[in-house]
Amino acid sequence: MELDALAQTDWVVYCKPPFGGSAHVLKYLSRYTHRVAISNRRLRCVGDGKVRFTYRDYTAQLRDRQLLDPAGIPGAIGASSWVDRYTQGG
């Protein structure tokens, strides 16, 4: 069945009241909708339109690393790049 045909169908949804009440449903759903992409301890500095953070390097015995520029100085990514990475979850 094509998507257009499905869109034209009048769907009837049957829902029973939740067993634990609405608070139970919200708690269950929040596990999947409100995940933390990065902890506060990994954020090092936010300012001047840039974000500095540490990350876990799984190829180097799980050491925390910081983004470095070519000179070896702690670097940063632009705030818009940070938002793009954060909203993509990786």
N, C-alpha and C. Protein backbone atom coordinates (compact mmCIF):
# COMPACT_ATOMS: atom_id res chain seq x y z
N MET A 1 0.85 -1.18 0.00
CA MET A 1 0.00 0.00 0.00
C MET A 1 0.90 1.25 0.00
N GLU A 2 0.59 2.19 -0.84
CA GLU A 2 1.40 3.40 -0.93
C GLU A 2 1.06 4.38 0.18
N LEU A 3 1.99 5.30 0.41
CA LEU A 3 1.83 6.27 1.48
C LEU A 3 0.60 7.15 1.27
N ASP A 4 0.33 7.53 0.02
CA ASP A 4 -0.85 8.36 -0.26
C ASP A 4 -2.14 7.64 0.13
N ALA A 5 -2.20 6.36 -0.16
CA ALA A 5 -3.40 5.58 0.19
C ALA A 5 -3.56 5.48 1.70
N LEU A 6 -2.44 5.31 2.39
CA LEU A 6 -2.50 5.24 3.86
C LEU A 6 -2.94 6.57 4.45
N ALA A 7 -2.51 7.66 3.85
CA ALA A 7 -2.89 8.98 4.35
C ALA A 7 -4.38 9.24 4.18
N GLN A 8 -4.99 8.63 3.20
CA GLN A 8 -6.42 8.83 2.94
C GLN A 8 -7.30 7.96 3.84
N THR A 9 -6.73 6.98 4.51
CA THR A 9 -7.49 6.06 5.35
C THR A 9 -7.91 6.75 6.64
N ASP A 10 -9.15 6.55 7.04
CA ASP A 10 -9.63 7.05 8.33
C ASP A 10 -9.23 6.03 9.40
N TRP A 11 -8.25 6.39 10.19
CA TRP A 11 -7.75 5.48 11.20
C TRP A 11 -8.54 5.61 12.48
N VAL A 12 -8.83 4.50 13.13
CA VAL A 12 -9.52 4.48 14.42
C VAL A 12 -8.53 3.93 15.44
N VAL A 13 -8.23 4.74 16.43
CA VAL A 13 -7.27 4.34 17.45
C VAL A 13 -8.01 3.99 18.72
N TYR A 14 -7.73 2.81 19.24
CA TYR A 14 -8.34 2.37 20.49
C TYR A 14 -7.29 2.43 21.59
N CYS A 15 -7.53 3.22 22.61
CA CYS A 15 -6.59 3.35 23.73
C CYS A 15 -7.31 3.06 25.03
N LYS A 16 -6.71 2.21 25.83
CA LYS A 16 -7.23 1.95 27.17
C LYS A 16 -6.53 2.89 28.15
N PRO A 17 -7.15 3.19 29.26
CA PRO A 17 -6.47 4.02 30.27
C PRO A 17 -5.20 3.30 30.74
N PRO A 18 -4.13 4.04 31.00
CA PRO A 18 -2.88 3.40 31.44
C PRO A 18 -3.04 2.80 32.84
N PHE A 19 -2.34 1.69 33.07
CA PHE A 19 -2.44 1.02 34.36
C PHE A 19 -1.93 1.87 35.51
N GLY A 20 -0.82 2.54 35.29
CA GLY A 20 -0.21 3.31 36.37
C GLY A 20 -0.59 4.78 36.35
N GLY A 21 -1.52 5.17 35.51
CA GLY A 21 -1.89 6.57 35.42
C GLY A 21 -1.00 7.33 34.45
N SER A 22 -1.34 8.58 34.21
CA SER A 22 -0.61 9.38 33.23
C SER A 22 0.83 9.66 33.66
N ALA A 23 1.09 9.77 34.96
CA ALA A 23 2.45 10.01 35.44
C ALA A 23 3.36 8.84 35.08
N HIS A 24 2.83 7.63 35.16
CA HIS A 24 3.61 6.44 34.80
C HIS A 24 3.96 6.45 33.31
N VAL A 25 3.02 6.85 32.49
CA VAL A 25 3.26 6.92 31.04
C VAL A 25 4.34 7.95 30.74
N LEU A 26 4.26 9.13 31.36
CA LEU A 26 5.26 10.17 31.13
C LEU A 26 6.65 9.72 31.59
N LYS A 27 6.72 9.05 32.72
CA LYS A 27 8.01 8.55 33.21
C LYS A 27 8.59 7.54 32.23
N TYR A 28 7.76 6.65 31.71
CA TYR A 28 8.21 5.65 30.74
C TYR A 28 8.72 6.31 29.46
N LEU A 29 7.95 7.24 28.92
CA LEU A 29 8.34 7.89 27.67
C LEU A 29 9.57 8.77 27.84
N SER A 30 9.74 9.38 29.01
CA SER A 30 10.88 10.28 29.22
C SER A 30 12.21 9.55 29.14
N ARG A 31 12.23 8.25 29.39
CA ARG A 31 13.46 7.48 29.26
C ARG A 31 13.97 7.50 27.82
N TYR A 32 13.07 7.65 26.88
CA TYR A 32 13.44 7.61 25.48
C TYR A 32 13.53 8.98 24.82
N THR A 33 12.89 9.98 25.41
CA THR A 33 12.86 11.30 24.77
C THR A 33 13.79 12.31 25.40
N HIS A 34 14.29 12.05 26.60
CA HIS A 34 15.13 13.03 27.29
C HIS A 34 16.46 12.42 27.70
N ARG A 35 17.18 11.91 26.73
CA ARG A 35 18.51 11.37 27.01
C ARG A 35 19.53 12.49 27.01
N VAL A 36 20.56 12.32 27.81
CA VAL A 36 21.62 13.32 27.89
C VAL A 36 22.69 12.96 26.87
N ALA A 37 23.00 13.90 25.97
CA ALA A 37 24.00 13.64 24.94
C ALA A 37 25.41 13.83 25.49
N ILE A 38 25.58 14.73 26.42
CA ILE A 38 26.90 14.98 27.01
C ILE A 38 26.69 15.49 28.43
N SER A 39 27.52 15.00 29.33
CA SER A 39 27.38 15.43 30.72
C SER A 39 28.03 16.80 30.92
N ASN A 40 27.62 17.48 31.97
CA ASN A 40 28.15 18.81 32.28
C ASN A 40 29.66 18.77 32.52
N ARG A 41 30.18 17.67 33.08
CA ARG A 41 31.61 17.62 33.37
C ARG A 41 32.46 17.58 32.11
N ARG A 42 31.88 17.19 30.98
CA ARG A 42 32.63 17.16 29.72
C ARG A 42 32.68 18.53 29.04
N LEU A 43 31.76 19.40 29.37
CA LEU A 43 31.79 20.76 28.81
C LEU A 43 32.84 21.57 29.55
N ARG A 44 33.83 22.09 28.85
CA ARG A 44 34.92 22.83 29.47
C ARG A 44 34.71 24.34 29.41
N CYS A 45 34.22 24.83 28.29
CA CYS A 45 34.07 26.27 28.13
C CYS A 45 33.07 26.54 27.01
N VAL A 46 32.20 27.50 27.25
CA VAL A 46 31.26 27.94 26.24
C VAL A 46 31.33 29.46 26.20
N GLY A 47 31.67 30.01 25.05
CA GLY A 47 31.75 31.46 24.93
C GLY A 47 32.35 31.87 23.60
N ASP A 48 32.14 33.10 23.25
CA ASP A 48 32.64 33.66 21.99
C ASP A 48 32.19 32.84 20.79
N GLY A 49 31.01 32.25 20.88
CA GLY A 49 30.47 31.48 19.76
C GLY A 49 31.14 30.14 19.56
N LYS A 50 31.88 29.65 20.59
CA LYS A 50 32.59 28.38 20.48
C LYS A 50 32.32 27.51 21.71
N VAL A 51 32.53 26.20 21.54
CA VAL A 51 32.34 25.24 22.62
C VAL A 51 33.60 24.38 22.73
N ARG A 52 34.13 24.26 23.96
CA ARG A 52 35.25 23.36 24.24
C ARG A 52 34.72 22.23 25.11
N PHE A 53 35.15 21.00 24.82
CA PHE A 53 34.66 19.85 25.57
C PHE A 53 35.68 18.73 25.51
N THR A 54 35.54 17.77 26.42
CA THR A 54 36.36 16.56 26.36
C THR A 54 35.50 15.44 25.82
N TYR A 55 36.15 14.40 25.33
CA TYR A 55 35.43 13.26 24.80
C TYR A 55 36.18 11.99 25.18
N ARG A 56 35.52 10.86 25.10
CA ARG A 56 36.11 9.59 25.43
C ARG A 56 36.71 8.97 24.18
N ASP A 57 38.01 8.66 24.23
CA ASP A 57 38.70 8.05 23.10
C ASP A 57 38.75 6.54 23.33
N TYR A 58 37.88 5.82 22.65
CA TYR A 58 37.78 4.38 22.86
C TYR A 58 38.95 3.61 22.25
N THR A 59 39.76 4.25 21.42
CA THR A 59 40.91 3.58 20.84
C THR A 59 42.16 3.72 21.70
N ALA A 60 42.10 4.53 22.73
CA ALA A 60 43.27 4.78 23.59
C ALA A 60 42.95 4.44 25.05
N GLN A 61 42.55 3.22 25.30
CA GLN A 61 42.26 2.73 26.64
C GLN A 61 41.28 3.63 27.40
N LEU A 62 40.28 4.10 26.71
CA LEU A 62 39.18 4.86 27.32
C LEU A 62 39.63 6.15 28.01
N ARG A 63 40.61 6.80 27.49
CA ARG A 63 41.06 8.06 28.08
C ARG A 63 40.18 9.21 27.62
N ASP A 64 40.02 10.17 28.54
CA ASP A 64 39.33 11.40 28.15
C ASP A 64 40.29 12.26 27.36
N ARG A 65 39.81 12.80 26.27
CA ARG A 65 40.64 13.63 25.40
C ARG A 65 39.96 14.97 25.19
N GLN A 66 40.76 15.94 24.80
CA GLN A 66 40.22 17.25 24.46
C GLN A 66 40.58 17.55 23.02
N LEU A 67 39.66 18.17 22.30
CA LEU A 67 39.89 18.55 20.92
C LEU A 67 41.08 19.50 20.86
N LEU A 68 42.08 19.19 20.03
CA LEU A 68 43.27 20.02 19.93
C LEU A 68 43.41 20.58 18.52
N ASP A 69 43.93 21.78 18.43
CA ASP A 69 44.21 22.34 17.10
C ASP A 69 45.56 21.80 16.62
N PRO A 70 45.98 22.09 15.39
CA PRO A 70 47.24 21.54 14.88
C PRO A 70 48.47 21.87 15.73
N ALA A 71 48.44 22.96 16.49
CA ALA A 71 49.58 23.33 17.34
C ALA A 71 49.53 22.62 18.70
N GLY A 72 48.51 21.81 18.94
CA GLY A 72 48.39 21.10 20.21
C GLY A 72 47.72 21.89 21.30
N ILE A 73 47.13 23.02 20.95
CA ILE A 73 46.42 23.87 21.91
C ILE A 73 44.95 23.43 21.94
N PRO A 74 44.36 23.36 23.16
CA PRO A 74 42.95 22.96 23.20
C PRO A 74 42.11 23.82 22.26
N GLY A 75 41.42 23.14 21.39
CA GLY A 75 40.62 23.83 20.39
C GLY A 75 39.15 23.86 20.75
N ALA A 76 38.35 24.34 19.86
CA ALA A 76 36.92 24.45 20.07
C ALA A 76 36.23 24.33 18.73
N ILE A 77 34.95 24.00 18.78
CA ILE A 77 34.15 24.02 17.55
C ILE A 77 33.14 25.14 17.67
N GLY A 78 32.67 25.61 16.54
CA GLY A 78 31.68 26.68 16.53
C GLY A 78 30.38 26.23 17.17
N ALA A 79 29.67 27.18 17.76
CA ALA A 79 28.42 26.86 18.44
C ALA A 79 27.41 26.23 17.49
N SER A 80 27.35 26.70 16.24
CA SER A 80 26.39 26.11 15.30
C SER A 80 26.76 24.67 14.98
N SER A 81 28.07 24.36 14.87
CA SER A 81 28.50 22.97 14.66
C SER A 81 28.15 22.11 15.86
N TRP A 82 28.31 22.70 17.06
CA TRP A 82 27.97 21.97 18.28
C TRP A 82 26.49 21.61 18.29
N VAL A 83 25.63 22.56 17.97
CA VAL A 83 24.20 22.30 17.95
C VAL A 83 23.88 21.23 16.92
N ASP A 84 24.51 21.29 15.75
CA ASP A 84 24.28 20.26 14.73
C ASP A 84 24.65 18.88 15.25
N ARG A 85 25.80 18.76 15.89
CA ARG A 85 26.23 17.47 16.44
C ARG A 85 25.32 17.02 17.55
N TYR A 86 24.91 17.93 18.41
CA TYR A 86 24.05 17.59 19.55
C TYR A 86 22.69 17.09 19.09
N THR A 87 22.11 17.77 18.11
CA THR A 87 20.77 17.37 17.67
C THR A 87 20.79 16.09 16.84
N GLN A 88 21.95 15.73 16.29
CA GLN A 88 22.06 14.48 15.55
C GLN A 88 22.43 13.33 16.48
N GLY A 89 22.73 13.65 17.75
CA GLY A 89 23.04 12.61 18.71
C GLY A 89 24.38 11.97 18.53
N GLY A 90 25.29 12.64 17.95
CA GLY A 90 26.59 12.02 17.80
C GLY A 90 27.52 12.90 17.17
